[in-house]
Every structure is written in structure tokens, then in C-alpha cells.
Amino acid sequence: MRSLKRQRRIQVIVLAAVALLGSTGLIIWASQDAFNFFRPPAEIASNPPPPNEVFRIGGLVEEGTLVRGEGETITFSVTDGAASIPVSYTGILPDLFNEGEGMVGTGRLVDGVFEATEILARHDETYMPAEVIEALEEQGVYRDPGES
């Protein structure tokens, strides 16, 4: 009688462990597309990702590169001071998007051009995403305006 109870407990524990591992695996598999990793232009230039990988790029919109096309397609380059990556975006840009300003884009690198599906710009004149600031500081391009 005692060994039957013990055997049943072990079976329940093993079944619960398998269910927990299975559900964890399903959660990870289902959320793979939700994780977009940030990359500065210098990293993309030195180690380009495959065309099917969705990631985020951030930096400053390079001066003199913003071209608004006939339709809704906009092209520009994003830089971190060490490298520059051309960007193509079809859609409406945020109001505060401008040359020389910080931006973050989500999309894929196809044939050397970052094809953005989403563009984010600063939300006021002082804000810049922390990831972009870190990448620009590493290249020696950015200095916090609050520092003297």
C-alpha cells in the first residue's frame, strides 16, 4: 500500500515537471518574434544580420541624407559616428523626426539597406533613448547636454 502511494506521487511529480517544461517551451517558442534586439550602426556594418532577422537600430539621423520621395517612402541614413546605415521607410514619420536628431527604428537589413517598419523619434527636445545614448557615447559622438 505504501509503495503504491509513493509510486503515484512520483508519477504526479514527473507529470507536473513535464507539463511545466512543455509550457515553458511553448511560451519561449511563441514569443520569439516579440524580442527585437538593439544594434548600433557600427555593429551592423561590421557584422550584418541575416535578412530575415528583425531588430532595432538606433542613432542620429545623418545630416543631409533625409529624402522624402514622391509617395510615402522616405530614405535617410542613421549614424553613430563610426558607421552609417541607409534606411528606407514607408509611412508617416513622427512629428519630431528630423536630421541630427536621435531615432530608433524596427525592421530588417536587406541588401545593405535597413527596411524599417516602425520609426520612433524623441518625444521632446531633451529625450533620447538610453540605448542610443550608450551607442553614441561609445563612439565619442554624444555628450549629455546637462554635463559641463
N, C-alpha and C. Protein backbone atom coordinates (compact mmCIF):
# COMPACT_ATOMS: atom_id res chain seq x y z
N MET A 1 0.81 -1.19 0.00
CA MET A 1 0.00 0.00 0.00
C MET A 1 0.86 1.26 0.00
N ARG A 2 1.91 1.24 0.81
CA ARG A 2 2.79 2.40 0.92
C ARG A 2 3.56 2.64 -0.38
N SER A 3 4.04 1.59 -1.02
CA SER A 3 4.79 1.76 -2.25
C SER A 3 3.88 2.24 -3.39
N LEU A 4 2.61 1.90 -3.37
CA LEU A 4 1.67 2.39 -4.37
C LEU A 4 1.48 3.90 -4.25
N LYS A 5 1.36 4.41 -3.02
CA LYS A 5 1.24 5.86 -2.80
C LYS A 5 2.51 6.58 -3.26
N ARG A 6 3.64 6.01 -2.91
CA ARG A 6 4.92 6.60 -3.29
C ARG A 6 5.08 6.63 -4.81
N GLN A 7 4.72 5.53 -5.45
CA GLN A 7 4.81 5.45 -6.91
C GLN A 7 3.88 6.47 -7.55
N ARG A 8 2.68 6.65 -7.02
CA ARG A 8 1.70 7.60 -7.54
C ARG A 8 2.23 9.04 -7.39
N ARG A 9 2.85 9.36 -6.24
CA ARG A 9 3.43 10.68 -6.02
C ARG A 9 4.53 10.97 -7.04
N ILE A 10 5.39 9.99 -7.25
CA ILE A 10 6.48 10.17 -8.23
C ILE A 10 5.91 10.41 -9.62
N GLN A 11 4.86 9.67 -9.98
CA GLN A 11 4.23 9.87 -11.29
C GLN A 11 3.64 11.27 -11.41
N VAL A 12 3.00 11.75 -10.37
CA VAL A 12 2.41 13.09 -10.38
C VAL A 12 3.50 14.15 -10.49
N ILE A 13 4.59 13.99 -9.75
CA ILE A 13 5.70 14.95 -9.80
C ILE A 13 6.33 14.97 -11.18
N VAL A 14 6.56 13.79 -11.77
CA VAL A 14 7.15 13.71 -13.11
C VAL A 14 6.21 14.34 -14.14
N LEU A 15 4.93 14.05 -14.05
CA LEU A 15 3.94 14.62 -14.96
C LEU A 15 3.89 16.14 -14.83
N ALA A 16 3.94 16.66 -13.61
CA ALA A 16 3.93 18.10 -13.39
C ALA A 16 5.20 18.74 -13.96
N ALA A 17 6.35 18.10 -13.78
CA ALA A 17 7.61 18.62 -14.31
C ALA A 17 7.58 18.66 -15.84
N VAL A 18 7.07 17.60 -16.46
CA VAL A 18 6.97 17.56 -17.93
C VAL A 18 6.02 18.66 -18.42
N ALA A 19 4.89 18.84 -17.73
CA ALA A 19 3.93 19.88 -18.12
C ALA A 19 4.56 21.27 -17.98
N LEU A 20 5.30 21.48 -16.90
CA LEU A 20 5.96 22.77 -16.69
C LEU A 20 7.01 23.05 -17.78
N LEU A 21 7.82 22.07 -18.09
CA LEU A 21 8.82 22.23 -19.15
C LEU A 21 8.16 22.46 -20.51
N GLY A 22 7.09 21.72 -20.78
CA GLY A 22 6.38 21.89 -22.04
C GLY A 22 5.77 23.27 -22.18
N SER A 23 5.15 23.76 -21.11
CA SER A 23 4.54 25.10 -21.17
C SER A 23 5.61 26.19 -21.29
N THR A 24 6.73 26.02 -20.60
CA THR A 24 7.82 26.98 -20.72
C THR A 24 8.36 26.99 -22.15
N GLY A 25 8.54 25.84 -22.74
CA GLY A 25 8.99 25.75 -24.13
C GLY A 25 8.03 26.42 -25.09
N LEU A 26 6.74 26.21 -24.90
CA LEU A 26 5.73 26.85 -25.76
C LEU A 26 5.75 28.37 -25.61
N ILE A 27 5.92 28.86 -24.40
CA ILE A 27 5.96 30.31 -24.18
C ILE A 27 7.17 30.91 -24.90
N ILE A 28 8.31 30.28 -24.76
CA ILE A 28 9.52 30.78 -25.43
C ILE A 28 9.38 30.73 -26.94
N TRP A 29 8.85 29.63 -27.45
CA TRP A 29 8.67 29.50 -28.91
C TRP A 29 7.69 30.54 -29.43
N ALA A 30 6.60 30.78 -28.71
CA ALA A 30 5.57 31.72 -29.17
C ALA A 30 6.05 33.17 -29.11
N SER A 31 6.99 33.48 -28.24
CA SER A 31 7.41 34.86 -28.09
C SER A 31 8.71 35.19 -28.82
N GLN A 32 9.20 34.32 -29.66
CA GLN A 32 10.45 34.57 -30.37
C GLN A 32 10.40 35.84 -31.20
N ASP A 33 9.29 36.11 -31.86
CA ASP A 33 9.18 37.29 -32.70
C ASP A 33 9.00 38.57 -31.90
N ALA A 34 8.71 38.47 -30.62
CA ALA A 34 8.47 39.64 -29.79
C ALA A 34 9.77 40.29 -29.32
N PHE A 35 10.88 39.58 -29.39
CA PHE A 35 12.15 40.12 -28.91
C PHE A 35 12.91 40.75 -30.07
N ASN A 36 13.08 42.06 -30.01
CA ASN A 36 13.86 42.78 -31.02
C ASN A 36 15.10 43.34 -30.34
N PHE A 37 16.25 42.93 -30.79
CA PHE A 37 17.49 43.35 -30.17
C PHE A 37 17.98 44.65 -30.79
N PHE A 38 18.50 45.55 -29.95
CA PHE A 38 19.01 46.84 -30.40
C PHE A 38 20.44 46.69 -30.91
N ARG A 39 20.73 47.34 -32.03
CA ARG A 39 22.09 47.33 -32.58
C ARG A 39 22.43 48.72 -33.09
N PRO A 40 23.62 49.20 -32.74
CA PRO A 40 24.07 50.48 -33.31
C PRO A 40 24.60 50.26 -34.73
N PRO A 41 24.66 51.32 -35.55
CA PRO A 41 25.13 51.18 -36.93
C PRO A 41 26.52 50.55 -37.07
N ALA A 42 27.45 50.86 -36.15
CA ALA A 42 28.81 50.30 -36.25
C ALA A 42 28.77 48.77 -36.14
N GLU A 43 27.93 48.25 -35.26
CA GLU A 43 27.82 46.80 -35.11
C GLU A 43 27.19 46.17 -36.34
N ILE A 44 26.21 46.83 -36.93
CA ILE A 44 25.55 46.31 -38.13
C ILE A 44 26.52 46.30 -39.31
N ALA A 45 27.32 47.36 -39.43
CA ALA A 45 28.28 47.44 -40.54
C ALA A 45 29.36 46.36 -40.42
N SER A 46 29.80 46.09 -39.20
CA SER A 46 30.87 45.10 -39.02
C SER A 46 30.36 43.66 -39.03
N ASN A 47 29.12 43.45 -38.62
CA ASN A 47 28.56 42.10 -38.54
C ASN A 47 27.09 42.14 -38.95
N PRO A 48 26.80 42.21 -40.27
CA PRO A 48 25.42 42.34 -40.72
C PRO A 48 24.57 41.12 -40.34
N PRO A 49 23.37 41.35 -39.84
CA PRO A 49 22.47 40.24 -39.52
C PRO A 49 21.85 39.67 -40.80
N PRO A 50 21.29 38.46 -40.73
CA PRO A 50 20.62 37.89 -41.90
C PRO A 50 19.36 38.69 -42.25
N PRO A 51 18.93 38.66 -43.51
CA PRO A 51 17.77 39.46 -43.94
C PRO A 51 16.45 39.10 -43.26
N ASN A 52 16.36 37.91 -42.70
CA ASN A 52 15.08 37.52 -42.07
C ASN A 52 15.02 37.91 -40.59
N GLU A 53 16.09 38.49 -40.04
CA GLU A 53 16.11 38.86 -38.62
C GLU A 53 15.56 40.27 -38.41
N VAL A 54 14.56 40.38 -37.54
CA VAL A 54 14.00 41.68 -37.18
C VAL A 54 14.78 42.19 -35.96
N PHE A 55 15.24 43.44 -36.05
CA PHE A 55 15.97 44.03 -34.94
C PHE A 55 15.73 45.54 -34.94
N ARG A 56 16.26 46.20 -33.92
CA ARG A 56 16.12 47.65 -33.81
C ARG A 56 17.49 48.30 -34.04
N ILE A 57 17.46 49.41 -34.75
CA ILE A 57 18.66 50.20 -35.00
C ILE A 57 18.43 51.58 -34.38
N GLY A 58 19.47 52.17 -33.85
CA GLY A 58 19.31 53.49 -33.27
C GLY A 58 20.56 54.33 -33.47
N GLY A 59 20.36 55.60 -33.52
CA GLY A 59 21.46 56.54 -33.69
C GLY A 59 20.91 57.90 -34.05
N LEU A 60 21.73 58.70 -34.69
CA LEU A 60 21.33 60.02 -35.13
C LEU A 60 21.02 59.99 -36.62
N VAL A 61 20.00 60.73 -37.04
CA VAL A 61 19.70 60.86 -38.46
C VAL A 61 20.81 61.73 -39.05
N GLU A 62 21.53 61.16 -40.00
CA GLU A 62 22.69 61.85 -40.57
C GLU A 62 22.25 63.10 -41.34
N GLU A 63 22.97 64.19 -41.10
CA GLU A 63 22.68 65.47 -41.76
C GLU A 63 22.79 65.33 -43.28
N GLY A 64 21.83 65.90 -44.01
CA GLY A 64 21.87 65.93 -45.46
C GLY A 64 21.43 64.64 -46.15
N THR A 65 20.92 63.67 -45.40
CA THR A 65 20.54 62.39 -46.02
C THR A 65 19.04 62.17 -46.09
N LEU A 66 18.26 63.01 -45.45
CA LEU A 66 16.81 62.83 -45.41
C LEU A 66 16.21 63.22 -46.76
N VAL A 67 15.60 62.22 -47.45
CA VAL A 67 14.98 62.45 -48.76
C VAL A 67 13.55 61.93 -48.69
N ARG A 68 12.63 62.83 -48.92
CA ARG A 68 11.22 62.45 -48.95
C ARG A 68 10.85 62.20 -50.41
N GLY A 69 10.41 60.96 -50.71
CA GLY A 69 10.11 60.57 -52.09
C GLY A 69 8.76 61.07 -52.56
N GLU A 70 8.37 60.61 -53.74
CA GLU A 70 7.10 61.00 -54.33
C GLU A 70 5.92 60.53 -53.51
N GLY A 71 5.97 59.27 -53.05
CA GLY A 71 4.87 58.73 -52.25
C GLY A 71 5.16 58.92 -50.77
N GLU A 72 4.95 57.87 -50.04
CA GLU A 72 5.19 57.92 -48.60
C GLU A 72 6.57 57.39 -48.23
N THR A 73 7.39 56.99 -49.23
CA THR A 73 8.69 56.41 -48.93
C THR A 73 9.71 57.50 -48.60
N ILE A 74 10.38 57.31 -47.48
CA ILE A 74 11.39 58.24 -47.00
C ILE A 74 12.69 57.48 -46.87
N THR A 75 13.79 58.09 -47.30
CA THR A 75 15.11 57.47 -47.12
C THR A 75 16.00 58.44 -46.36
N PHE A 76 16.87 57.88 -45.55
CA PHE A 76 17.85 58.66 -44.80
C PHE A 76 18.90 57.69 -44.30
N SER A 77 19.93 58.20 -43.67
CA SER A 77 20.96 57.35 -43.07
C SER A 77 20.98 57.61 -41.57
N VAL A 78 21.25 56.55 -40.83
CA VAL A 78 21.38 56.67 -39.38
C VAL A 78 22.83 56.36 -39.04
N THR A 79 23.40 57.16 -38.13
CA THR A 79 24.81 57.03 -37.80
C THR A 79 25.03 57.05 -36.30
N ASP A 80 26.14 56.45 -35.90
CA ASP A 80 26.57 56.54 -34.51
C ASP A 80 27.95 57.19 -34.44
N GLY A 81 28.38 57.76 -35.56
CA GLY A 81 29.68 58.41 -35.62
C GLY A 81 30.75 57.51 -36.21
N ALA A 82 30.61 56.21 -36.04
CA ALA A 82 31.60 55.27 -36.56
C ALA A 82 31.16 54.67 -37.90
N ALA A 83 29.86 54.52 -38.08
CA ALA A 83 29.33 53.94 -39.32
C ALA A 83 27.98 54.57 -39.63
N SER A 84 27.57 54.42 -40.86
CA SER A 84 26.30 54.96 -41.31
C SER A 84 25.56 53.87 -42.07
N ILE A 85 24.29 53.70 -41.79
CA ILE A 85 23.46 52.68 -42.44
C ILE A 85 22.30 53.37 -43.14
N PRO A 86 22.10 53.12 -44.45
CA PRO A 86 20.94 53.69 -45.13
C PRO A 86 19.65 53.05 -44.66
N VAL A 87 18.61 53.87 -44.55
CA VAL A 87 17.30 53.41 -44.05
C VAL A 87 16.24 53.80 -45.06
N SER A 88 15.30 52.89 -45.29
CA SER A 88 14.14 53.15 -46.13
C SER A 88 12.90 52.90 -45.29
N TYR A 89 11.96 53.84 -45.32
CA TYR A 89 10.75 53.72 -44.51
C TYR A 89 9.56 54.20 -45.32
N THR A 90 8.51 53.42 -45.32
CA THR A 90 7.27 53.81 -45.98
C THR A 90 6.23 54.03 -44.90
N GLY A 91 5.79 55.24 -44.80
CA GLY A 91 4.81 55.58 -43.78
C GLY A 91 4.94 57.04 -43.38
N ILE A 92 4.29 57.37 -42.29
CA ILE A 92 4.30 58.73 -41.79
C ILE A 92 5.29 58.80 -40.64
N LEU A 93 6.22 59.74 -40.74
CA LEU A 93 7.24 59.90 -39.70
C LEU A 93 6.67 60.64 -38.49
N PRO A 94 7.23 60.40 -37.31
CA PRO A 94 6.81 61.16 -36.13
C PRO A 94 7.08 62.66 -36.32
N ASP A 95 6.31 63.49 -35.66
CA ASP A 95 6.45 64.94 -35.81
C ASP A 95 7.84 65.46 -35.47
N LEU A 96 8.48 64.90 -34.46
CA LEU A 96 9.77 65.39 -34.02
C LEU A 96 10.95 64.74 -34.72
N PHE A 97 10.69 63.97 -35.78
CA PHE A 97 11.75 63.33 -36.55
C PHE A 97 12.43 64.39 -37.40
N ASN A 98 13.77 64.47 -37.31
CA ASN A 98 14.49 65.47 -38.07
C ASN A 98 15.97 65.08 -38.20
N GLU A 99 16.68 65.70 -39.12
CA GLU A 99 18.11 65.44 -39.28
C GLU A 99 18.86 65.88 -38.02
N GLY A 100 19.87 65.09 -37.66
CA GLY A 100 20.67 65.41 -36.49
C GLY A 100 20.03 65.00 -35.17
N GLU A 101 18.86 64.42 -35.22
CA GLU A 101 18.14 64.02 -34.01
C GLU A 101 18.21 62.51 -33.83
N GLY A 102 18.00 62.06 -32.60
CA GLY A 102 18.02 60.64 -32.30
C GLY A 102 16.77 59.92 -32.79
N MET A 103 16.95 58.67 -33.18
CA MET A 103 15.82 57.85 -33.63
C MET A 103 16.11 56.39 -33.35
N VAL A 104 15.05 55.60 -33.28
CA VAL A 104 15.13 54.15 -33.17
C VAL A 104 14.16 53.59 -34.19
N GLY A 105 14.63 52.63 -34.99
CA GLY A 105 13.78 52.01 -36.00
C GLY A 105 13.76 50.50 -35.83
N THR A 106 12.64 49.89 -36.18
CA THR A 106 12.48 48.44 -36.14
C THR A 106 12.31 47.96 -37.57
N GLY A 107 13.03 46.89 -37.93
CA GLY A 107 12.92 46.36 -39.29
C GLY A 107 13.98 45.32 -39.57
N ARG A 108 14.31 45.18 -40.87
CA ARG A 108 15.28 44.18 -41.34
C ARG A 108 16.32 44.85 -42.23
N LEU A 109 17.51 44.25 -42.27
CA LEU A 109 18.56 44.71 -43.18
C LEU A 109 18.50 43.86 -44.44
N VAL A 110 18.14 44.49 -45.57
CA VAL A 110 18.02 43.79 -46.85
C VAL A 110 18.93 44.47 -47.85
N ASP A 111 19.90 43.72 -48.37
CA ASP A 111 20.86 44.23 -49.35
C ASP A 111 21.54 45.51 -48.88
N GLY A 112 21.91 45.57 -47.63
CA GLY A 112 22.64 46.71 -47.09
C GLY A 112 21.78 47.89 -46.70
N VAL A 113 20.47 47.80 -46.91
CA VAL A 113 19.56 48.89 -46.56
C VAL A 113 18.62 48.40 -45.46
N PHE A 114 18.51 49.19 -44.40
CA PHE A 114 17.61 48.84 -43.31
C PHE A 114 16.20 49.24 -43.74
N GLU A 115 15.33 48.24 -43.92
CA GLU A 115 13.94 48.49 -44.30
C GLU A 115 13.11 48.54 -43.03
N ALA A 116 12.78 49.76 -42.62
CA ALA A 116 12.09 49.98 -41.36
C ALA A 116 10.59 49.77 -41.49
N THR A 117 10.01 49.15 -40.47
CA THR A 117 8.56 49.01 -40.38
C THR A 117 7.99 49.96 -39.34
N GLU A 118 8.87 50.47 -38.48
CA GLU A 118 8.45 51.42 -37.44
C GLU A 118 9.62 52.35 -37.14
N ILE A 119 9.31 53.64 -37.02
CA ILE A 119 10.31 54.65 -36.68
C ILE A 119 9.82 55.38 -35.43
N LEU A 120 10.70 55.46 -34.45
CA LEU A 120 10.40 56.22 -33.24
C LEU A 120 11.39 57.37 -33.13
N ALA A 121 10.89 58.52 -32.72
CA ALA A 121 11.76 59.68 -32.52
C ALA A 121 11.59 60.15 -31.08
N ARG A 122 12.43 61.04 -30.69
CA ARG A 122 12.33 61.58 -29.33
C ARG A 122 10.94 62.15 -29.10
N HIS A 123 10.51 62.18 -27.85
CA HIS A 123 9.18 62.71 -27.58
C HIS A 123 9.21 64.13 -27.05
N ASP A 124 10.37 64.67 -26.79
CA ASP A 124 10.53 66.09 -26.51
C ASP A 124 11.95 66.50 -26.90
N GLU A 125 12.28 67.75 -26.71
CA GLU A 125 13.58 68.19 -27.21
C GLU A 125 14.79 67.71 -26.40
N THR A 126 14.57 67.10 -25.24
CA THR A 126 15.71 66.65 -24.44
C THR A 126 15.85 65.14 -24.38
N TYR A 127 14.80 64.38 -24.72
CA TYR A 127 14.83 62.93 -24.55
C TYR A 127 15.53 62.23 -25.71
N MET A 128 16.31 61.21 -25.39
CA MET A 128 16.88 60.30 -26.37
C MET A 128 16.93 58.93 -25.70
N PRO A 129 16.54 57.84 -26.38
CA PRO A 129 16.56 56.52 -25.76
C PRO A 129 17.93 56.18 -25.18
N ALA A 130 17.94 55.53 -24.02
CA ALA A 130 19.18 55.18 -23.33
C ALA A 130 20.10 54.34 -24.20
N GLU A 131 19.53 53.42 -24.99
CA GLU A 131 20.34 52.56 -25.86
C GLU A 131 21.09 53.38 -26.89
N VAL A 132 20.43 54.39 -27.44
CA VAL A 132 21.05 55.25 -28.45
C VAL A 132 22.16 56.08 -27.81
N ILE A 133 21.89 56.62 -26.61
CA ILE A 133 22.91 57.41 -25.91
C ILE A 133 24.15 56.57 -25.65
N GLU A 134 23.96 55.33 -25.17
CA GLU A 134 25.10 54.45 -24.89
C GLU A 134 25.92 54.18 -26.15
N ALA A 135 25.23 53.89 -27.26
CA ALA A 135 25.94 53.60 -28.51
C ALA A 135 26.71 54.83 -29.00
N LEU A 136 26.11 56.01 -28.88
CA LEU A 136 26.78 57.24 -29.32
C LEU A 136 27.94 57.60 -28.40
N GLU A 137 27.77 57.38 -27.09
CA GLU A 137 28.87 57.65 -26.15
C GLU A 137 30.06 56.74 -26.41
N GLU A 138 29.80 55.47 -26.76
CA GLU A 138 30.88 54.54 -27.08
C GLU A 138 31.71 55.03 -28.26
N GLN A 139 31.07 55.71 -29.20
CA GLN A 139 31.78 56.21 -30.37
C GLN A 139 32.34 57.62 -30.15
N GLY A 140 32.05 58.21 -28.98
CA GLY A 140 32.55 59.54 -28.67
C GLY A 140 31.79 60.64 -29.39
N VAL A 141 30.56 60.37 -29.84
CA VAL A 141 29.79 61.34 -30.60
C VAL A 141 28.84 62.14 -29.71
N TYR A 142 28.38 61.53 -28.64
CA TYR A 142 27.34 62.15 -27.81
C TYR A 142 27.91 62.60 -26.47
N ARG A 143 27.48 63.76 -26.05
CA ARG A 143 27.80 64.24 -24.71
C ARG A 143 26.52 64.79 -24.12
N ASP A 144 26.20 64.39 -22.90
CA ASP A 144 24.98 64.80 -22.22
C ASP A 144 24.94 66.32 -22.11
N PRO A 145 23.86 66.96 -22.59
CA PRO A 145 23.77 68.42 -22.51
C PRO A 145 23.76 68.93 -21.08
N GLY A 146 23.40 68.10 -20.11
CA GLY A 146 23.38 68.50 -18.72
C GLY A 146 24.76 68.56 -18.09
N GLU A 147 25.77 67.92 -18.73
CA GLU A 147 27.12 67.93 -18.20
C GLU A 147 27.86 69.19 -18.66
N SER A 148 28.75 69.68 -17.84
CA SER A 148 29.51 70.89 -18.22
C SER A 148 30.89 70.53 -18.69
